[in-house]
Amino acid sequence: DGRFTISRDNAKNTVYLQMNSLKPEDTGIYYCAATPSSIM
C-alpha cells in the first residue's frame, strides 16, 4: 500500500500494476487472475 497502484483500461482489455520503490521482498512470480463479478 502506497507503493503499488492497480488500474485497468477496459477499452484495451488490460489491467496494470504499477510498482514503485521496489524492495527485495517484492521478488517473486506475479500472476493476474480474473473472477466474474458485479460491475460495482
PDB file of all heavy atoms in Angstrom:
ATOM      1  N   ASP A   1       0.836  -1.193   0.000  1.00  0.00           N
ATOM      2  CA  ASP A   1       0.000   0.000   0.000  1.00  0.00           C
ATOM      3  C   ASP A   1       0.876   1.251   0.000  1.00  0.00           C
ATOM      4  O   ASP A   1       1.783   1.389   0.818  1.00  0.00           O
ATOM      5  CB  ASP A   1      -0.926  -0.011   1.212  1.00  0.00           C
ATOM      6  CG  ASP A   1      -2.108   0.922   1.058  1.00  0.00           C
ATOM      7  OD1 ASP A   1      -2.329   1.448  -0.043  1.00  0.00           O
ATOM      8  OD2 ASP A   1      -2.830   1.124   2.058  1.00  0.00           O
ATOM      9  N   GLY A   2       0.581   2.157  -0.910  1.00  0.00           N
ATOM     10  CA  GLY A   2       1.369   3.368  -1.055  1.00  0.00           C
ATOM     11  C   GLY A   2       2.498   3.260  -2.052  1.00  0.00           C
ATOM     12  O   GLY A   2       3.051   4.294  -2.458  1.00  0.00           O
ATOM     13  N   ARG A   3       2.859   2.045  -2.431  1.00  0.00           N
ATOM     14  CA  ARG A   3       3.932   1.845  -3.404  1.00  0.00           C
ATOM     15  C   ARG A   3       3.416   1.298  -4.735  1.00  0.00           C
ATOM     16  O   ARG A   3       3.973   1.612  -5.790  1.00  0.00           O
ATOM     17  CB  ARG A   3       4.986   0.883  -2.858  1.00  0.00           C
ATOM     18  CG  ARG A   3       5.675   1.377  -1.593  1.00  0.00           C
ATOM     19  CD  ARG A   3       6.839   0.475  -1.201  1.00  0.00           C
ATOM     20  NE  ARG A   3       6.384  -0.890  -0.891  1.00  0.00           N
ATOM     21  CZ  ARG A   3       6.782  -1.975  -1.551  1.00  0.00           C
ATOM     22  NH1 ARG A   3       7.636  -1.879  -2.559  1.00  0.00           N
ATOM     23  NH2 ARG A   3       6.325  -3.171  -1.193  1.00  0.00           N
ATOM     24  N   PHE A   4       2.379   0.476  -4.688  1.00  0.00           N
ATOM     25  CA  PHE A   4       1.820  -0.148  -5.888  1.00  0.00           C
ATOM     26  C   PHE A   4       0.484   0.501  -6.218  1.00  0.00           C
ATOM     27  O   PHE A   4      -0.266   0.915  -5.325  1.00  0.00           O
ATOM     28  CB  PHE A   4       1.592  -1.645  -5.672  1.00  0.00           C
ATOM     29  CG  PHE A   4       2.839  -2.482  -5.572  1.00  0.00           C
ATOM     30  CD1 PHE A   4       4.090  -1.916  -5.437  1.00  0.00           C
ATOM     31  CD2 PHE A   4       2.735  -3.866  -5.613  1.00  0.00           C
ATOM     32  CE1 PHE A   4       5.234  -2.697  -5.335  1.00  0.00           C
ATOM     33  CE2 PHE A   4       3.865  -4.659  -5.519  1.00  0.00           C
ATOM     34  CZ  PHE A   4       5.113  -4.075  -5.378  1.00  0.00           C
ATOM     35  N   THR A   5       0.169   0.544  -7.506  1.00  0.00           N
ATOM     36  CA  THR A   5      -1.110   1.064  -7.974  1.00  0.00           C
ATOM     37  C   THR A   5      -1.671   0.137  -9.034  1.00  0.00           C
ATOM     38  O   THR A   5      -1.010  -0.134 -10.037  1.00  0.00           O
ATOM     39  CB  THR A   5      -0.971   2.479  -8.551  1.00  0.00           C
ATOM     40  OG1 THR A   5      -0.415   3.357  -7.572  1.00  0.00           O
ATOM     41  CG2 THR A   5      -2.341   3.011  -8.976  1.00  0.00           C
ATOM     42  N   ILE A   6      -2.888  -0.331  -8.814  1.00  0.00           N
ATOM     43  CA  ILE A   6      -3.568  -1.164  -9.794  1.00  0.00           C
ATOM     44  C   ILE A   6      -4.516  -0.288 -10.605  1.00  0.00           C
ATOM     45  O   ILE A   6      -5.137   0.632 -10.067  1.00  0.00           O
ATOM     46  CB  ILE A   6      -4.318  -2.326  -9.109  1.00  0.00           C
ATOM     47  CG1 ILE A   6      -4.836  -3.334 -10.139  1.00  0.00           C
ATOM     48  CG2 ILE A   6      -5.450  -1.817  -8.230  1.00  0.00           C
ATOM     49  CD1 ILE A   6      -5.384  -4.610  -9.511  1.00  0.00           C
ATOM     50  N   SER A   7      -4.611  -0.553 -11.888  1.00  0.00           N
ATOM     51  CA  SER A   7      -5.505   0.196 -12.752  1.00  0.00           C
ATOM     52  C   SER A   7      -5.937  -0.691 -13.911  1.00  0.00           C
ATOM     53  O   SER A   7      -5.381  -1.780 -14.115  1.00  0.00           O
ATOM     54  CB  SER A   7      -4.831   1.476 -13.276  1.00  0.00           C
ATOM     55  OG  SER A   7      -3.698   1.167 -14.063  1.00  0.00           O
ATOM     56  N   ARG A   8      -6.920  -0.235 -14.657  1.00  0.00           N
ATOM     57  CA  ARG A   8      -7.369  -1.018 -15.799  1.00  0.00           C
ATOM     58  C   ARG A   8      -7.833  -0.100 -16.911  1.00  0.00           C
ATOM     59  O   ARG A   8      -8.273   1.038 -16.674  1.00  0.00           O
ATOM     60  CB  ARG A   8      -8.478  -1.999 -15.403  1.00  0.00           C
ATOM     61  CG  ARG A   8      -9.783  -1.366 -14.968  1.00  0.00           C
ATOM     62  CD  ARG A   8     -10.706  -2.404 -14.330  1.00  0.00           C
ATOM     63  NE  ARG A   8     -11.070  -3.453 -15.279  1.00  0.00           N
ATOM     64  CZ  ARG A   8     -11.543  -4.647 -14.930  1.00  0.00           C
ATOM     65  NH1 ARG A   8     -11.685  -4.957 -13.636  1.00  0.00           N
ATOM     66  NH2 ARG A   8     -11.858  -5.539 -15.859  1.00  0.00           N
ATOM     67  N   ASP A   9      -7.726  -0.603 -18.117  1.00  0.00           N
ATOM     68  CA  ASP A   9      -8.216   0.077 -19.304  1.00  0.00           C
ATOM     69  C   ASP A   9      -9.090  -0.930 -20.030  1.00  0.00           C
ATOM     70  O   ASP A   9      -8.596  -1.770 -20.783  1.00  0.00           O
ATOM     71  CB  ASP A   9      -7.064   0.550 -20.181  1.00  0.00           C
ATOM     72  CG  ASP A   9      -7.525   1.384 -21.359  1.00  0.00           C
ATOM     73  OD1 ASP A   9      -8.721   1.337 -21.710  1.00  0.00           O
ATOM     74  OD2 ASP A   9      -6.679   2.094 -21.937  1.00  0.00           O
ATOM     75  N   ASN A  10     -10.383  -0.860 -19.775  1.00  0.00           N
ATOM     76  CA  ASN A  10     -11.284  -1.858 -20.344  1.00  0.00           C
ATOM     77  C   ASN A  10     -11.343  -1.783 -21.865  1.00  0.00           C
ATOM     78  O   ASN A  10     -11.600  -2.789 -22.526  1.00  0.00           O
ATOM     79  CB  ASN A  10     -12.681  -1.715 -19.740  1.00  0.00           C
ATOM     80  CG  ASN A  10     -12.777  -2.294 -18.343  1.00  0.00           C
ATOM     81  OD1 ASN A  10     -11.825  -2.888 -17.835  1.00  0.00           O
ATOM     82  ND2 ASN A  10     -13.926  -2.117 -17.705  1.00  0.00           N
ATOM     83  N   ALA A  11     -11.101  -0.597 -22.430  1.00  0.00           N
ATOM     84  CA  ALA A  11     -11.069  -0.475 -23.882  1.00  0.00           C
ATOM     85  C   ALA A  11      -9.940  -1.297 -24.484  1.00  0.00           C
ATOM     86  O   ALA A  11     -10.043  -1.760 -25.624  1.00  0.00           O
ATOM     87  CB  ALA A  11     -10.943   0.986 -24.291  1.00  0.00           C
ATOM     88  N   LYS A  12      -8.844  -1.458 -23.745  1.00  0.00           N
ATOM     89  CA  LYS A  12      -7.717  -2.265 -24.182  1.00  0.00           C
ATOM     90  C   LYS A  12      -7.753  -3.673 -23.613  1.00  0.00           C
ATOM     91  O   LYS A  12      -6.861  -4.477 -23.889  1.00  0.00           O
ATOM     92  CB  LYS A  12      -6.397  -1.595 -23.795  1.00  0.00           C
ATOM     93  CG  LYS A  12      -6.149  -0.261 -24.463  1.00  0.00           C
ATOM     94  CD  LYS A  12      -4.791   0.294 -24.077  1.00  0.00           C
ATOM     95  CE  LYS A  12      -4.531   1.627 -24.748  1.00  0.00           C
ATOM     96  NZ  LYS A  12      -4.420   1.471 -26.228  1.00  0.00           N
ATOM     97  N   ASN A  13      -8.760  -3.960 -22.792  1.00  0.00           N
ATOM     98  CA  ASN A  13      -8.893  -5.276 -22.172  1.00  0.00           C
ATOM     99  C   ASN A  13      -7.627  -5.641 -21.393  1.00  0.00           C
ATOM    100  O   ASN A  13      -7.153  -6.780 -21.440  1.00  0.00           O
ATOM    101  CB  ASN A  13      -9.197  -6.345 -23.227  1.00  0.00           C
ATOM    102  CG  ASN A  13     -10.306  -7.294 -22.801  1.00  0.00           C
ATOM    103  OD1 ASN A  13     -11.119  -6.987 -21.933  1.00  0.00           O
ATOM    104  ND2 ASN A  13     -10.344  -8.468 -23.415  1.00  0.00           N
ATOM    105  N   THR A  14      -7.100  -4.667 -20.653  1.00  0.00           N
ATOM    106  CA  THR A  14      -5.826  -4.824 -19.975  1.00  0.00           C
ATOM    107  C   THR A  14      -5.894  -4.235 -18.571  1.00  0.00           C
ATOM    108  O   THR A  14      -6.529  -3.198 -18.354  1.00  0.00           O
ATOM    109  CB  THR A  14      -4.697  -4.143 -20.767  1.00  0.00           C
ATOM    110  OG1 THR A  14      -4.621  -4.721 -22.073  1.00  0.00           O
ATOM    111  CG2 THR A  14      -3.356  -4.328 -20.074  1.00  0.00           C
ATOM    112  N   VAL A  15      -5.224  -4.893 -17.636  1.00  0.00           N
ATOM    113  CA  VAL A  15      -5.069  -4.425 -16.266  1.00  0.00           C
ATOM    114  C   VAL A  15      -3.587  -4.241 -15.997  1.00  0.00           C
ATOM    115  O   VAL A  15      -2.752  -5.008 -16.499  1.00  0.00           O
ATOM    116  CB  VAL A  15      -5.696  -5.417 -15.269  1.00  0.00           C
ATOM    117  CG1 VAL A  15      -5.458  -4.966 -13.836  1.00  0.00           C
ATOM    118  CG2 VAL A  15      -7.187  -5.555 -15.534  1.00  0.00           C
ATOM    119  N   TYR A  16      -3.252  -3.236 -15.207  1.00  0.00           N
ATOM    120  CA  TYR A  16      -1.868  -2.893 -14.936  1.00  0.00           C
ATOM    121  C   TYR A  16      -1.584  -2.927 -13.440  1.00  0.00           C
ATOM    122  O   TYR A  16      -2.476  -2.735 -12.612  1.00  0.00           O
ATOM    123  CB  TYR A  16      -1.539  -1.497 -15.455  1.00  0.00           C
ATOM    124  CG  TYR A  16      -1.844  -1.300 -16.916  1.00  0.00           C
ATOM    125  CD1 TYR A  16      -3.047  -0.741 -17.318  1.00  0.00           C
ATOM    126  CD2 TYR A  16      -0.933  -1.683 -17.892  1.00  0.00           C
ATOM    127  CE1 TYR A  16      -3.339  -0.560 -18.657  1.00  0.00           C
ATOM    128  CE2 TYR A  16      -1.217  -1.507 -19.235  1.00  0.00           C
ATOM    129  CZ  TYR A  16      -2.415  -0.945 -19.614  1.00  0.00           C
ATOM    130  OH  TYR A  16      -2.702  -0.773 -20.942  1.00  0.00           O
ATOM    131  N   LEU A  17      -0.326  -3.148 -13.117  1.00  0.00           N
ATOM    132  CA  LEU A  17       0.153  -2.994 -11.755  1.00  0.00           C
ATOM    133  C   LEU A  17       1.430  -2.164 -11.803  1.00  0.00           C
ATOM    134  O   LEU A  17       2.476  -2.648 -12.238  1.00  0.00           O
ATOM    135  CB  LEU A  17       0.425  -4.345 -11.089  1.00  0.00           C
ATOM    136  CG  LEU A  17       0.827  -4.276  -9.609  1.00  0.00           C
ATOM    137  CD1 LEU A  17      -0.337  -3.771  -8.762  1.00  0.00           C
ATOM    138  CD2 LEU A  17       1.307  -5.632  -9.101  1.00  0.00           C
ATOM    139  N   GLN A  18       1.320  -0.910 -11.382  1.00  0.00           N
ATOM    140  CA  GLN A  18       2.470  -0.027 -11.296  1.00  0.00           C
ATOM    141  C   GLN A  18       3.157  -0.252  -9.963  1.00  0.00           C
ATOM    142  O   GLN A  18       2.533  -0.113  -8.910  1.00  0.00           O
ATOM    143  CB  GLN A  18       2.025   1.434 -11.425  1.00  0.00           C
ATOM    144  CG  GLN A  18       3.156   2.447 -11.319  1.00  0.00           C
ATOM    145  CD  GLN A  18       4.060   2.439 -12.516  1.00  0.00           C
ATOM    146  OE1 GLN A  18       3.595   2.308 -13.642  1.00  0.00           O
ATOM    147  NE2 GLN A  18       5.359   2.572 -12.286  1.00  0.00           N
ATOM    148  N   MET A  19       4.431  -0.590  -9.998  1.00  0.00           N
ATOM    149  CA  MET A  19       5.183  -0.930  -8.799  1.00  0.00           C
ATOM    150  C   MET A  19       6.340   0.050  -8.656  1.00  0.00           C
ATOM    151  O   MET A  19       7.262   0.058  -9.477  1.00  0.00           O
ATOM    152  CB  MET A  19       5.693  -2.371  -8.859  1.00  0.00           C
ATOM    153  CG  MET A  19       4.591  -3.397  -9.117  1.00  0.00           C
ATOM    154  SD  MET A  19       5.170  -5.111  -8.949  1.00  0.00           S
ATOM    155  CE  MET A  19       6.365  -5.159 -10.291  1.00  0.00           C
ATOM    156  N   ASN A  20       6.290   0.860  -7.615  1.00  0.00           N
ATOM    157  CA  ASN A  20       7.323   1.842  -7.326  1.00  0.00           C
ATOM    158  C   ASN A  20       8.052   1.473  -6.040  1.00  0.00           C
ATOM    159  O   ASN A  20       7.551   0.705  -5.222  1.00  0.00           O
ATOM    160  CB  ASN A  20       6.714   3.237  -7.183  1.00  0.00           C
ATOM    161  CG  ASN A  20       6.023   3.725  -8.428  1.00  0.00           C
ATOM    162  OD1 ASN A  20       6.406   3.378  -9.544  1.00  0.00           O
ATOM    163  ND2 ASN A  20       4.996   4.551  -8.248  1.00  0.00           N
ATOM    164  N   SER A  21       9.229   2.042  -5.865  1.00  0.00           N
ATOM    165  CA  SER A  21      10.018   1.841  -4.650  1.00  0.00           C
ATOM    166  C   SER A  21      10.149   0.368  -4.308  1.00  0.00           C
ATOM    167  O   SER A  21       9.924  -0.062  -3.174  1.00  0.00           O
ATOM    168  CB  SER A  21       9.391   2.611  -3.482  1.00  0.00           C
ATOM    169  OG  SER A  21       9.299   3.996  -3.772  1.00  0.00           O
ATOM    170  N   LEU A  22      10.536  -0.405  -5.280  1.00  0.00           N
ATOM    171  CA  LEU A  22      10.582  -1.856  -5.111  1.00  0.00           C
ATOM    172  C   LEU A  22      11.623  -2.268  -4.081  1.00  0.00           C
ATOM    173  O   LEU A  22      12.693  -1.655  -3.967  1.00  0.00           O
ATOM    174  CB  LEU A  22      10.862  -2.529  -6.445  1.00  0.00           C
ATOM    175  CG  LEU A  22       9.650  -2.577  -7.381  1.00  0.00           C
ATOM    176  CD1 LEU A  22      10.081  -2.858  -8.813  1.00  0.00           C
ATOM    177  CD2 LEU A  22       8.664  -3.640  -6.904  1.00  0.00           C
ATOM    178  N   LYS A  23      11.291  -3.311  -3.346  1.00  0.00           N
ATOM    179  CA  LYS A  23      12.134  -3.863  -2.298  1.00  0.00           C
ATOM    180  C   LYS A  23      12.492  -5.304  -2.635  1.00  0.00           C
ATOM    181  O   LYS A  23      11.766  -5.972  -3.366  1.00  0.00           O
ATOM    182  CB  LYS A  23      11.407  -3.820  -0.950  1.00  0.00           C
ATOM    183  CG  LYS A  23      10.900  -2.458  -0.529  1.00  0.00           C
ATOM    184  CD  LYS A  23      10.088  -2.563   0.748  1.00  0.00           C
ATOM    185  CE  LYS A  23       9.567  -1.214   1.190  1.00  0.00           C
ATOM    186  NZ  LYS A  23       8.757  -1.314   2.426  1.00  0.00           N
ATOM    187  N   PRO A  24      13.593  -5.806  -2.079  1.00  0.00           N
ATOM    188  CA  PRO A  24      13.932  -7.208  -2.340  1.00  0.00           C
ATOM    189  C   PRO A  24      12.806  -8.171  -1.983  1.00  0.00           C
ATOM    190  O   PRO A  24      12.632  -9.190  -2.671  1.00  0.00           O
ATOM    191  CB  PRO A  24      15.169  -7.434  -1.459  1.00  0.00           C
ATOM    192  CG  PRO A  24      15.814  -6.088  -1.394  1.00  0.00           C
ATOM    193  CD  PRO A  24      14.662  -5.110  -1.343  1.00  0.00           C
ATOM    194  N   GLU A  25      12.036  -7.876  -0.949  1.00  0.00           N
ATOM    195  CA  GLU A  25      10.945  -8.754  -0.563  1.00  0.00           C
ATOM    196  C   GLU A  25       9.780  -8.745  -1.542  1.00  0.00           C
ATOM    197  O   GLU A  25       8.838  -9.534  -1.399  1.00  0.00           O
ATOM    198  CB  GLU A  25      10.445  -8.427   0.856  1.00  0.00           C
ATOM    199  CG  GLU A  25      10.099  -6.965   1.060  1.00  0.00           C
ATOM    200  CD  GLU A  25      11.222  -6.186   1.717  1.00  0.00           C
ATOM    201  OE1 GLU A  25      12.389  -6.376   1.332  1.00  0.00           O
ATOM    202  OE2 GLU A  25      10.930  -5.380   2.632  1.00  0.00           O
ATOM    203  N   ASP A  26       9.807  -7.857  -2.539  1.00  0.00           N
ATOM    204  CA  ASP A  26       8.814  -7.881  -3.604  1.00  0.00           C
ATOM    205  C   ASP A  26       9.134  -8.929  -4.666  1.00  0.00           C
ATOM    206  O   ASP A  26       8.324  -9.147  -5.572  1.00  0.00           O
ATOM    207  CB  ASP A  26       8.712  -6.516  -4.280  1.00  0.00           C
ATOM    208  CG  ASP A  26       8.187  -5.439  -3.352  1.00  0.00           C
ATOM    209  OD1 ASP A  26       7.246  -5.716  -2.580  1.00  0.00           O
ATOM    210  OD2 ASP A  26       8.713  -4.311  -3.410  1.00  0.00           O
ATOM    211  N   THR A  27      10.280  -9.554  -4.570  1.00  0.00           N
ATOM    212  CA  THR A  27      10.690 -10.555  -5.545  1.00  0.00           C
ATOM    213  C   THR A  27       9.721 -11.734  -5.565  1.00  0.00           C
ATOM    214  O   THR A  27       9.282 -12.214  -4.514  1.00  0.00           O
ATOM    215  CB  THR A  27      12.102 -11.050  -5.235  1.00  0.00           C
ATOM    216  OG1 THR A  27      13.036  -9.980  -5.438  1.00  0.00           O
ATOM    217  CG2 THR A  27      12.494 -12.215  -6.130  1.00  0.00           C
ATOM    218  N   GLY A  28       9.380 -12.202  -6.743  1.00  0.00           N
ATOM    219  CA  GLY A  28       8.519 -13.353  -6.879  1.00  0.00           C
ATOM    220  C   GLY A  28       7.927 -13.434  -8.266  1.00  0.00           C
ATOM    221  O   GLY A  28       8.178 -12.588  -9.122  1.00  0.00           O
ATOM    222  N   ILE A  29       7.139 -14.456  -8.476  1.00  0.00           N
ATOM    223  CA  ILE A  29       6.378 -14.587  -9.706  1.00  0.00           C
ATOM    224  C   ILE A  29       5.031 -13.908  -9.494  1.00  0.00           C
ATOM    225  O   ILE A  29       4.318 -14.219  -8.536  1.00  0.00           O
ATOM    226  CB  ILE A  29       6.180 -16.053 -10.106  1.00  0.00           C
ATOM    227  CG1 ILE A  29       7.533 -16.748 -10.267  1.00  0.00           C
ATOM    228  CG2 ILE A  29       5.383 -16.151 -11.401  1.00  0.00           C
ATOM    229  CD1 ILE A  29       7.424 -18.238 -10.532  1.00  0.00           C
ATOM    230  N   TYR A  30       4.692 -12.999 -10.376  1.00  0.00           N
ATOM    231  CA  TYR A  30       3.456 -12.237 -10.272  1.00  0.00           C
ATOM    232  C   TYR A  30       2.431 -12.774 -11.261  1.00  0.00           C
ATOM    233  O   TYR A  30       2.717 -12.949 -12.449  1.00  0.00           O
ATOM    234  CB  TYR A  30       3.714 -10.755 -10.534  1.00  0.00           C
ATOM    235  CG  TYR A  30       4.325 -10.040  -9.349  1.00  0.00           C
ATOM    236  CD1 TYR A  30       5.623 -10.320  -8.947  1.00  0.00           C
ATOM    237  CD2 TYR A  30       3.593  -9.099  -8.629  1.00  0.00           C
ATOM    238  CE1 TYR A  30       6.179  -9.684  -7.850  1.00  0.00           C
ATOM    239  CE2 TYR A  30       4.146  -8.458  -7.537  1.00  0.00           C
ATOM    240  CZ  TYR A  30       5.443  -8.754  -7.147  1.00  0.00           C
ATOM    241  OH  TYR A  30       5.990  -8.111  -6.063  1.00  0.00           O
ATOM    242  N   TYR A  31       1.242 -13.023 -10.748  1.00  0.00           N
ATOM    243  CA  TYR A  31       0.145 -13.557 -11.535  1.00  0.00           C
ATOM    244  C   TYR A  31      -1.038 -12.596 -11.502  1.00  0.00           C
ATOM    245  O   TYR A  31      -1.305 -11.974 -10.476  1.00  0.00           O
ATOM    246  CB  TYR A  31      -0.346 -14.895 -10.972  1.00  0.00           C
ATOM    247  CG  TYR A  31       0.698 -15.977 -10.863  1.00  0.00           C
ATOM    248  CD1 TYR A  31       1.507 -16.076  -9.741  1.00  0.00           C
ATOM    249  CD2 TYR A  31       0.849 -16.914 -11.877  1.00  0.00           C
ATOM    250  CE1 TYR A  31       2.458 -17.081  -9.633  1.00  0.00           C
ATOM    251  CE2 TYR A  31       1.788 -17.925 -11.777  1.00  0.00           C
ATOM    252  CZ  TYR A  31       2.591 -17.999 -10.651  1.00  0.00           C
ATOM    253  OH  TYR A  31       3.522 -19.006 -10.552  1.00  0.00           O
ATOM    254  N   CYS A  32      -1.755 -12.500 -12.603  1.00  0.00           N
ATOM    255  CA  CYS A  32      -3.060 -11.864 -12.569  1.00  0.00           C
ATOM    256  C   CYS A  32      -4.128 -12.932 -12.685  1.00  0.00           C
ATOM    257  O   CYS A  32      -3.906 -14.013 -13.242  1.00  0.00           O
ATOM    258  CB  CYS A  32      -3.222 -10.797 -13.657  1.00  0.00           C
ATOM    259  SG  CYS A  32      -3.158 -11.383 -15.356  1.00  0.00           S
ATOM    260  N   ALA A  33      -5.282 -12.639 -12.133  1.00  0.00           N
ATOM    261  CA  ALA A  33      -6.383 -13.584 -12.113  1.00  0.00           C
ATOM    262  C   ALA A  33      -7.696 -12.826 -12.233  1.00  0.00           C
ATOM    263  O   ALA A  33      -7.794 -11.666 -11.830  1.00  0.00           O
ATOM    264  CB  ALA A  33      -6.361 -14.412 -10.821  1.00  0.00           C
ATOM    265  N   ALA A  34      -8.692 -13.494 -12.781  1.00  0.00           N
ATOM    266  CA  ALA A  34      -9.994 -12.890 -13.014  1.00  0.00           C
ATOM    267  C   ALA A  34     -11.090 -13.716 -12.373  1.00  0.00           C
ATOM    268  O   ALA A  34     -11.003 -14.945 -12.313  1.00  0.00           O
ATOM    269  CB  ALA A  34     -10.262 -12.756 -14.513  1.00  0.00           C
ATOM    270  N   THR A  35     -12.112 -13.030 -11.906  1.00  0.00           N
ATOM    271  CA  THR A  35     -13.301 -13.684 -11.387  1.00  0.00           C
ATOM    272  C   THR A  35     -14.532 -12.904 -11.825  1.00  0.00           C
ATOM    273  O   THR A  35     -14.534 -11.671 -11.765  1.00  0.00           O
ATOM    274  CB  THR A  35     -13.252 -13.809  -9.853  1.00  0.00           C
ATOM    275  OG1 THR A  35     -14.385 -14.548  -9.394  1.00  0.00           O
ATOM    276  CG2 THR A  35     -13.243 -12.445  -9.172  1.00  0.00           C
ATOM    277  N   PRO A  36     -15.581 -13.581 -12.294  1.00  0.00           N
ATOM    278  CA  PRO A  36     -16.802 -12.858 -12.644  1.00  0.00           C
ATOM    279  C   PRO A  36     -17.312 -12.081 -11.443  1.00  0.00           C
ATOM    280  O   PRO A  36     -17.304 -12.579 -10.312  1.00  0.00           O
ATOM    281  CB  PRO A  36     -17.775 -13.972 -13.048  1.00  0.00           C
ATOM    282  CG  PRO A  36     -16.898 -15.102 -13.474  1.00  0.00           C
ATOM    283  CD  PRO A  36     -15.708 -15.032 -12.561  1.00  0.00           C
ATOM    284  N   SER A  37     -17.757 -10.877 -11.695  1.00  0.00           N
ATOM    285  CA  SER A  37     -18.121 -10.008 -10.590  1.00  0.00           C
ATOM    286  C   SER A  37     -19.136  -8.977 -11.036  1.00  0.00           C
ATOM    287  O   SER A  37     -19.168  -8.578 -12.200  1.00  0.00           O
ATOM    288  CB  SER A  37     -16.873  -9.311 -10.037  1.00  0.00           C
ATOM    289  OG  SER A  37     -17.194  -8.378  -9.031  1.00  0.00           O
ATOM    290  N   SER A  38     -19.946  -8.541 -10.082  1.00  0.00           N
ATOM    291  CA  SER A  38     -20.781  -7.372 -10.308  1.00  0.00           C
ATOM    292  C   SER A  38     -19.894  -6.196 -10.697  1.00  0.00           C
ATOM    293  O   SER A  38     -18.799  -6.021 -10.159  1.00  0.00           O
ATOM    294  CB  SER A  38     -21.582  -7.046  -9.047  1.00  0.00           C
ATOM    295  OG  SER A  38     -22.203  -5.790  -9.146  1.00  0.00           O
ATOM    296  N   ILE A  39     -20.369  -5.394 -11.624  1.00  0.00           N
ATOM    297  CA  ILE A  39     -19.572  -4.271 -12.112  1.00  0.00           C
ATOM    298  C   ILE A  39     -19.181  -3.335 -10.982  1.00  0.00           C
ATOM    299  O   ILE A  39     -18.055  -2.814 -10.955  1.00  0.00           O
ATOM    300  CB  ILE A  39     -20.347  -3.506 -13.201  1.00  0.00           C
ATOM    301  CG1 ILE A  39     -20.532  -4.385 -14.428  1.00  0.00           C
ATOM    302  CG2 ILE A  39     -19.623  -2.217 -13.569  1.00  0.00           C
ATOM    303  CD1 ILE A  39     -21.378  -3.743 -15.507  1.00  0.00           C
ATOM    304  N   MET A  40     -20.075  -3.161 -10.033  1.00  0.00           N
ATOM    305  CA  MET A  40     -19.854  -2.188  -8.965  1.00  0.00           C
ATOM    306  C   MET A  40     -19.478  -2.838  -7.636  1.00  0.00           C
ATOM    307  O   MET A  40     -19.588  -2.205  -6.589  1.00  0.00           O
ATOM    308  CB  MET A  40     -21.099  -1.324  -8.787  1.00  0.00           C
ATOM    309  CG  MET A  40     -21.482  -0.543 -10.030  1.00  0.00           C
ATOM    310  SD  MET A  40     -22.964   0.466  -9.812  1.00  0.00           S
ATOM    311  CE  MET A  40     -22.388   1.678  -8.637  1.00  0.00           C
TER     312      MET A  40
END
